[in-house]
């Protein structure tokens, strides 16, 4: 118990009533309580909600270690899709009490991969640049990210030539892989 309390930053407040803790601190106590008995199967509902960045990282590291290094089964329910994508080997998506997907994480993401979607990042502003159809540009801090789908690779190469001709230094060109949020929205949209 001492290790759990120290790791979650609760040791100094161990003698206080939990009701006086902030929501984040109460969440830390709930996580510690779930881990204290060292169960073979661990059920966690939104384990990182209300936690600061450091405590959330600690909890995610514990979850990963419990599953991978200690062979425990961890069932995680969350609306934080980035947490599920980071931690889960298998993902089930439930809508209105019905499972609409239940696959290994990699396979679920692969099924929704679109090889024709690209992010192009350049240094500088792309004001006035004519974008290929369906592309959008967003500039932040003198870096511009241009995103869109290409049906023909020749369109992509011609656009890259236009960027070079304009003198915009190319920082990266990368195909966009879907994240779990993209997959979730696509599945839910298909269910309507």
C-alpha atoms as a PDB file:
ATOM      1  CA  UNK A   1       0.000   0.000   0.000  1.00  0.00           C
ATOM      2  CA  UNK A   2       2.860   2.379   0.802  1.00  0.00           C
ATOM      3  CA  UNK A   3       4.228   1.982  -2.733  1.00  0.00           C
ATOM      4  CA  UNK A   4       0.836   2.772  -4.280  1.00  0.00           C
ATOM      5  CA  UNK A   5       0.280   5.832  -2.092  1.00  0.00           C
ATOM      6  CA  UNK A   6       3.772   7.171  -2.748  1.00  0.00           C
ATOM      7  CA  UNK A   7       3.569   6.533  -6.500  1.00  0.00           C
ATOM      8  CA  UNK A   8       0.272   8.369  -6.766  1.00  0.00           C
ATOM      9  CA  UNK A   9       1.416  11.283  -4.595  1.00  0.00           C
ATOM     10  CA  UNK A  10      -0.978  10.492  -1.750  1.00  0.00           C
ATOM     11  CA  UNK A  11       1.479   9.529   0.969  1.00  0.00           C
ATOM     12  CA  UNK A  12       1.547  12.952   2.636  1.00  0.00           C
ATOM     13  CA  UNK A  13      -2.267  12.941   2.882  1.00  0.00           C
ATOM     14  CA  UNK A  14      -2.703   9.286   3.888  1.00  0.00           C
ATOM     15  CA  UNK A  15      -4.351  10.117   7.230  1.00  0.00           C
ATOM     16  CA  UNK A  16      -6.992  12.464   5.806  1.00  0.00           C
ATOM     17  CA  UNK A  17     -10.594  11.628   4.946  1.00  0.00           C
ATOM     18  CA  UNK A  18     -10.971  10.727   1.260  1.00  0.00           C
ATOM     19  CA  UNK A  19     -14.126  12.889   1.095  1.00  0.00           C
ATOM     20  CA  UNK A  20     -11.934  15.973   1.425  1.00  0.00           C
ATOM     21  CA  UNK A  21      -9.792  15.023  -1.578  1.00  0.00           C
ATOM     22  CA  UNK A  22     -10.160  16.590  -4.987  1.00  0.00           C
ATOM     23  CA  UNK A  23     -11.750  14.508  -7.732  1.00  0.00           C
ATOM     24  CA  UNK A  24      -8.331  13.674  -9.126  1.00  0.00           C
ATOM     25  CA  UNK A  25      -7.079  12.537  -5.736  1.00  0.00           C
ATOM     26  CA  UNK A  26     -10.212  10.430  -5.228  1.00  0.00           C
ATOM     27  CA  UNK A  27      -9.533   8.795  -8.598  1.00  0.00           C
ATOM     28  CA  UNK A  28      -6.008   7.979  -7.452  1.00  0.00           C
ATOM     29  CA  UNK A  29      -7.421   6.315  -4.323  1.00  0.00           C
ATOM     30  CA  UNK A  30      -9.839   4.263  -6.457  1.00  0.00           C
ATOM     31  CA  UNK A  31      -6.984   3.069  -8.665  1.00  0.00           C
ATOM     32  CA  UNK A  32      -4.879   2.152  -5.615  1.00  0.00           C
ATOM     33  CA  UNK A  33      -7.841   0.266  -4.095  1.00  0.00           C
ATOM     34  CA  UNK A  34      -8.280  -1.740  -7.302  1.00  0.00           C
ATOM     35  CA  UNK A  35      -4.597  -2.675  -7.316  1.00  0.00           C
ATOM     36  CA  UNK A  36      -4.073  -3.419  -3.621  1.00  0.00           C
ATOM     37  CA  UNK A  37      -5.482  -6.973  -3.709  1.00  0.00           C
ATOM     38  CA  UNK A  38      -3.350  -7.905  -6.739  1.00  0.00           C
ATOM     39  CA  UNK A  39      -6.285  -9.475  -8.641  1.00  0.00           C
ATOM     40  CA  UNK A  40      -5.750 -11.675 -11.744  1.00  0.00           C
ATOM     41  CA  UNK A  41      -8.436  -9.705 -13.598  1.00  0.00           C
ATOM     42  CA  UNK A  42      -8.616  -5.971 -13.150  1.00  0.00           C
ATOM     43  CA  UNK A  43     -11.722  -3.982 -14.159  1.00  0.00           C
ATOM     44  CA  UNK A  44     -11.010  -0.282 -14.577  1.00  0.00           C
ATOM     45  CA  UNK A  45     -13.626   2.308 -15.484  1.00  0.00           C
ATOM     46  CA  UNK A  46     -12.117   5.587 -16.739  1.00  0.00           C
ATOM     47  CA  UNK A  47      -8.923   5.137 -14.692  1.00  0.00           C
ATOM     48  CA  UNK A  48      -7.272   8.381 -15.804  1.00  0.00           C
ATOM     49  CA  UNK A  49     -10.246  10.765 -15.551  1.00  0.00           C
ATOM     50  CA  UNK A  50      -9.437  13.671 -13.260  1.00  0.00           C
ATOM     51  CA  UNK A  51      -5.746  12.837 -12.950  1.00  0.00           C
ATOM     52  CA  UNK A  52      -2.958  15.283 -13.641  1.00  0.00           C
ATOM     53  CA  UNK A  53      -0.586  14.417 -16.482  1.00  0.00           C
ATOM     54  CA  UNK A  54       2.033  12.804 -14.232  1.00  0.00           C
ATOM     55  CA  UNK A  55      -0.441  10.639 -12.297  1.00  0.00           C
ATOM     56  CA  UNK A  56      -2.232   9.632 -15.517  1.00  0.00           C
ATOM     57  CA  UNK A  57       1.105   8.529 -16.998  1.00  0.00           C
ATOM     58  CA  UNK A  58       1.835   6.511 -13.829  1.00  0.00           C
ATOM     59  CA  UNK A  59      -1.547   4.779 -14.014  1.00  0.00           C
ATOM     60  CA  UNK A  60      -1.134   4.019 -17.732  1.00  0.00           C
ATOM     61  CA  UNK A  61       2.347   2.618 -17.103  1.00  0.00           C
ATOM     62  CA  UNK A  62       0.932   0.408 -14.320  1.00  0.00           C
ATOM     63  CA  UNK A  63      -1.839  -0.867 -16.565  1.00  0.00           C
ATOM     64  CA  UNK A  64       0.641  -1.731 -19.320  1.00  0.00           C
ATOM     65  CA  UNK A  65       3.008  -3.442 -16.865  1.00  0.00           C
ATOM     66  CA  UNK A  66       0.189  -5.404 -15.223  1.00  0.00           C
ATOM     67  CA  UNK A  67      -0.925  -6.774 -18.584  1.00  0.00           C
ATOM     68  CA  UNK A  68       2.404  -7.324 -20.306  1.00  0.00           C
ATOM     69  CA  UNK A  69       4.819  -8.102 -17.491  1.00  0.00           C
ATOM     70  CA  UNK A  70       2.538  -9.673 -14.898  1.00  0.00           C
ATOM     71  CA  UNK A  71       0.138 -11.489 -17.236  1.00  0.00           C
ATOM     72  CA  UNK A  72      -2.997  -9.911 -15.795  1.00  0.00           C
ATOM     73  CA  UNK A  73      -6.170  -9.400 -17.771  1.00  0.00           C
ATOM     74  CA  UNK A  74      -7.162  -5.742 -17.686  1.00  0.00           C
ATOM     75  CA  UNK A  75     -10.625  -4.742 -18.849  1.00  0.00           C
ATOM     76  CA  UNK A  76     -10.670  -1.001 -19.427  1.00  0.00           C
ATOM     77  CA  UNK A  77     -13.766   1.073 -20.140  1.00  0.00           C
ATOM     78  CA  UNK A  78     -13.148   4.603 -21.292  1.00  0.00           C
ATOM     79  CA  UNK A  79     -14.377   7.425 -23.461  1.00  0.00           C
ATOM     80  CA  UNK A  80     -10.771   8.624 -23.734  1.00  0.00           C
ATOM     81  CA  UNK A  81     -10.030   6.872 -26.998  1.00  0.00           C
ATOM     82  CA  UNK A  82      -6.351   7.862 -27.010  1.00  0.00           C
ATOM     83  CA  UNK A  83      -5.962   5.948 -23.715  1.00  0.00           C
ATOM     84  CA  UNK A  84      -7.608   2.855 -25.198  1.00  0.00           C
ATOM     85  CA  UNK A  85      -5.468   3.078 -28.334  1.00  0.00           C
ATOM     86  CA  UNK A  86      -2.300   3.409 -26.264  1.00  0.00           C
ATOM     87  CA  UNK A  87      -3.031   0.576 -23.830  1.00  0.00           C
ATOM     88  CA  UNK A  88      -5.340  -1.996 -25.358  1.00  0.00           C
ATOM     89  CA  UNK A  89      -4.443  -5.084 -27.365  1.00  0.00           C
ATOM     90  CA  UNK A  90      -8.092  -5.686 -28.234  1.00  0.00           C
ATOM     91  CA  UNK A  91     -10.836  -3.091 -28.541  1.00  0.00           C
ATOM     92  CA  UNK A  92     -14.598  -3.453 -28.426  1.00  0.00           C
ATOM     93  CA  UNK A  93     -16.759  -0.493 -29.364  1.00  0.00           C
ATOM     94  CA  UNK A  94     -20.229  -0.475 -27.867  1.00  0.00           C
ATOM     95  CA  UNK A  95     -23.113   1.655 -29.073  1.00  0.00           C
ATOM     96  CA  UNK A  96     -26.457   1.658 -27.297  1.00  0.00           C
ATOM     97  CA  UNK A  97     -25.558  -1.558 -25.470  1.00  0.00           C
ATOM     98  CA  UNK A  98     -24.575  -3.413 -28.645  1.00  0.00           C
ATOM     99  CA  UNK A  99     -21.031  -4.332 -29.693  1.00  0.00           C
ATOM    100  CA  UNK A 100     -20.383  -2.816 -33.131  1.00  0.00           C
ATOM    101  CA  UNK A 101     -16.707  -3.847 -33.280  1.00  0.00           C
ATOM    102  CA  UNK A 102     -14.533  -6.290 -31.344  1.00  0.00           C
ATOM    103  CA  UNK A 103     -11.091  -6.811 -32.856  1.00  0.00           C
ATOM    104  CA  UNK A 104      -7.409  -6.705 -32.025  1.00  0.00           C
ATOM    105  CA  UNK A 105      -6.422  -3.014 -31.932  1.00  0.00           C
ATOM    106  CA  UNK A 106      -4.063  -3.203 -34.904  1.00  0.00           C
ATOM    107  CA  UNK A 107      -6.615  -4.971 -37.076  1.00  0.00           C
ATOM    108  CA  UNK A 108      -9.356  -2.497 -36.136  1.00  0.00           C
ATOM    109  CA  UNK A 109      -7.133   0.445 -37.110  1.00  0.00           C
ATOM    110  CA  UNK A 110      -5.922  -1.302 -40.287  1.00  0.00           C
ATOM    111  CA  UNK A 111      -9.474  -1.853 -41.529  1.00  0.00           C
ATOM    112  CA  UNK A 112      -9.996   1.902 -41.583  1.00  0.00           C
ATOM    113  CA  UNK A 113      -6.606   2.906 -42.975  1.00  0.00           C
ATOM    114  CA  UNK A 114      -6.773   5.064 -46.076  1.00  0.00           C
ATOM    115  CA  UNK A 115      -3.599   4.978 -48.085  1.00  0.00           C
ATOM    116  CA  UNK A 116      -4.549   8.062 -50.083  1.00  0.00           C
ATOM    117  CA  UNK A 117      -4.702  10.519 -47.178  1.00  0.00           C
ATOM    118  CA  UNK A 118      -1.601  12.677 -46.561  1.00  0.00           C
ATOM    119  CA  UNK A 119      -0.271  15.339 -44.204  1.00  0.00           C
ATOM    120  CA  UNK A 120       2.330  17.658 -45.694  1.00  0.00           C
ATOM    121  CA  UNK A 121       4.195  19.953 -43.320  1.00  0.00           C
ATOM    122  CA  UNK A 122       6.186  22.956 -44.539  1.00  0.00           C
ATOM    123  CA  UNK A 123       8.033  25.741 -42.769  1.00  0.00           C
ATOM    124  CA  UNK A 124       6.382  29.070 -43.459  1.00  0.00           C
ATOM    125  CA  UNK A 125       2.962  30.330 -44.389  1.00  0.00           C
ATOM    126  CA  UNK A 126       1.108  28.964 -47.383  1.00  0.00           C
ATOM    127  CA  UNK A 127      -1.130  32.026 -47.827  1.00  0.00           C
ATOM    128  CA  UNK A 128      -2.485  32.242 -51.351  1.00  0.00           C
ATOM    129  CA  UNK A 129      -1.240  28.784 -52.300  1.00  0.00           C
ATOM    130  CA  UNK A 130      -3.624  26.906 -54.581  1.00  0.00           C
ATOM    131  CA  UNK A 131      -4.373  23.601 -52.881  1.00  0.00           C
ATOM    132  CA  UNK A 132      -5.377  20.409 -54.659  1.00  0.00           C
ATOM    133  CA  UNK A 133      -9.129  19.680 -54.477  1.00  0.00           C
ATOM    134  CA  UNK A 134     -10.177  18.412 -51.063  1.00  0.00           C
ATOM    135  CA  UNK A 135      -7.027  19.644 -49.279  1.00  0.00           C
ATOM    136  CA  UNK A 136      -7.027  21.996 -46.286  1.00  0.00           C
ATOM    137  CA  UNK A 137      -4.213  24.065 -44.801  1.00  0.00           C
ATOM    138  CA  UNK A 138      -3.666  25.142 -41.198  1.00  0.00           C
ATOM    139  CA  UNK A 139      -0.836  27.461 -40.141  1.00  0.00           C
ATOM    140  CA  UNK A 140       0.536  27.620 -36.610  1.00  0.00           C
ATOM    141  CA  UNK A 141       3.716  29.362 -35.503  1.00  0.00           C
ATOM    142  CA  UNK A 142       5.138  29.697 -39.019  1.00  0.00           C
ATOM    143  CA  UNK A 143       4.532  26.026 -39.813  1.00  0.00           C
ATOM    144  CA  UNK A 144       1.791  24.981 -42.198  1.00  0.00           C
ATOM    145  CA  UNK A 145       0.149  21.563 -42.247  1.00  0.00           C
ATOM    146  CA  UNK A 146      -1.673  20.708 -45.445  1.00  0.00           C
ATOM    147  CA  UNK A 147      -3.934  17.656 -45.391  1.00  0.00           C
ATOM    148  CA  UNK A 148      -6.044  15.863 -47.934  1.00  0.00           C
ATOM    149  CA  UNK A 149      -6.663  12.779 -50.021  1.00  0.00           C
ATOM    150  CA  UNK A 150      -5.144  12.130 -53.433  1.00  0.00           C
ATOM    151  CA  UNK A 151      -6.532   9.687 -55.942  1.00  0.00           C
ATOM    152  CA  UNK A 152      -3.516   9.984 -58.221  1.00  0.00           C
ATOM    153  CA  UNK A 153       0.058  10.146 -56.944  1.00  0.00           C
ATOM    154  CA  UNK A 154       0.862  12.540 -59.808  1.00  0.00           C
ATOM    155  CA  UNK A 155      -1.320  15.166 -58.065  1.00  0.00           C
ATOM    156  CA  UNK A 156       0.732  14.777 -54.893  1.00  0.00           C
ATOM    157  CA  UNK A 157       4.056  15.114 -56.737  1.00  0.00           C
ATOM    158  CA  UNK A 158       2.833  18.143 -58.696  1.00  0.00           C
ATOM    159  CA  UNK A 159       1.748  19.807 -55.464  1.00  0.00           C
ATOM    160  CA  UNK A 160       5.115  19.069 -53.828  1.00  0.00           C
ATOM    161  CA  UNK A 161       6.794  20.685 -56.862  1.00  0.00           C
ATOM    162  CA  UNK A 162       4.580  23.760 -56.372  1.00  0.00           C
ATOM    163  CA  UNK A 163       5.657  23.979 -52.737  1.00  0.00           C
ATOM    164  CA  UNK A 164       9.321  23.774 -53.759  1.00  0.00           C
ATOM    165  CA  UNK A 165       8.841  26.406 -56.463  1.00  0.00           C
ATOM    166  CA  UNK A 166       7.291  28.686 -53.863  1.00  0.00           C
ATOM    167  CA  UNK A 167      10.358  28.235 -51.629  1.00  0.00           C
ATOM    168  CA  UNK A 168       8.545  26.582 -48.729  1.00  0.00           C
ATOM    169  CA  UNK A 169      10.933  24.169 -46.969  1.00  0.00           C
ATOM    170  CA  UNK A 170       9.392  20.706 -46.763  1.00  0.00           C
ATOM    171  CA  UNK A 171       9.438  19.298 -43.222  1.00  0.00           C
ATOM    172  CA  UNK A 172       7.476  16.084 -43.787  1.00  0.00           C
ATOM    173  CA  UNK A 173       5.121  14.179 -46.038  1.00  0.00           C
ATOM    174  CA  UNK A 174       3.323  11.313 -44.365  1.00  0.00           C
ATOM    175  CA  UNK A 175       0.376   9.070 -45.060  1.00  0.00           C
ATOM    176  CA  UNK A 176      -2.262   9.508 -42.393  1.00  0.00           C
ATOM    177  CA  UNK A 177      -3.077   6.463 -40.348  1.00  0.00           C
ATOM    178  CA  UNK A 178      -6.423   6.548 -38.573  1.00  0.00           C
ATOM    179  CA  UNK A 179      -6.568   6.833 -34.834  1.00  0.00           C
ATOM    180  CA  UNK A 180      -9.194   5.195 -32.673  1.00  0.00           C
ATOM    181  CA  UNK A 181     -11.293   8.361 -32.664  1.00  0.00           C
ATOM    182  CA  UNK A 182     -11.495   8.244 -36.481  1.00  0.00           C
ATOM    183  CA  UNK A 183     -12.483   4.570 -36.363  1.00  0.00           C
ATOM    184  CA  UNK A 184     -15.059   5.183 -33.622  1.00  0.00           C
ATOM    185  CA  UNK A 185     -16.703   8.017 -35.545  1.00  0.00           C
ATOM    186  CA  UNK A 186     -16.733   5.974 -38.760  1.00  0.00           C
ATOM    187  CA  UNK A 187     -18.325   3.004 -36.994  1.00  0.00           C
ATOM    188  CA  UNK A 188     -20.920   5.127 -35.246  1.00  0.00           C
ATOM    189  CA  UNK A 189     -21.739   6.965 -38.467  1.00  0.00           C
ATOM    190  CA  UNK A 190     -22.221   3.605 -40.200  1.00  0.00           C
ATOM    191  CA  UNK A 191     -24.551   2.425 -37.452  1.00  0.00           C
ATOM    192  CA  UNK A 192     -27.087   5.215 -37.913  1.00  0.00           C
END
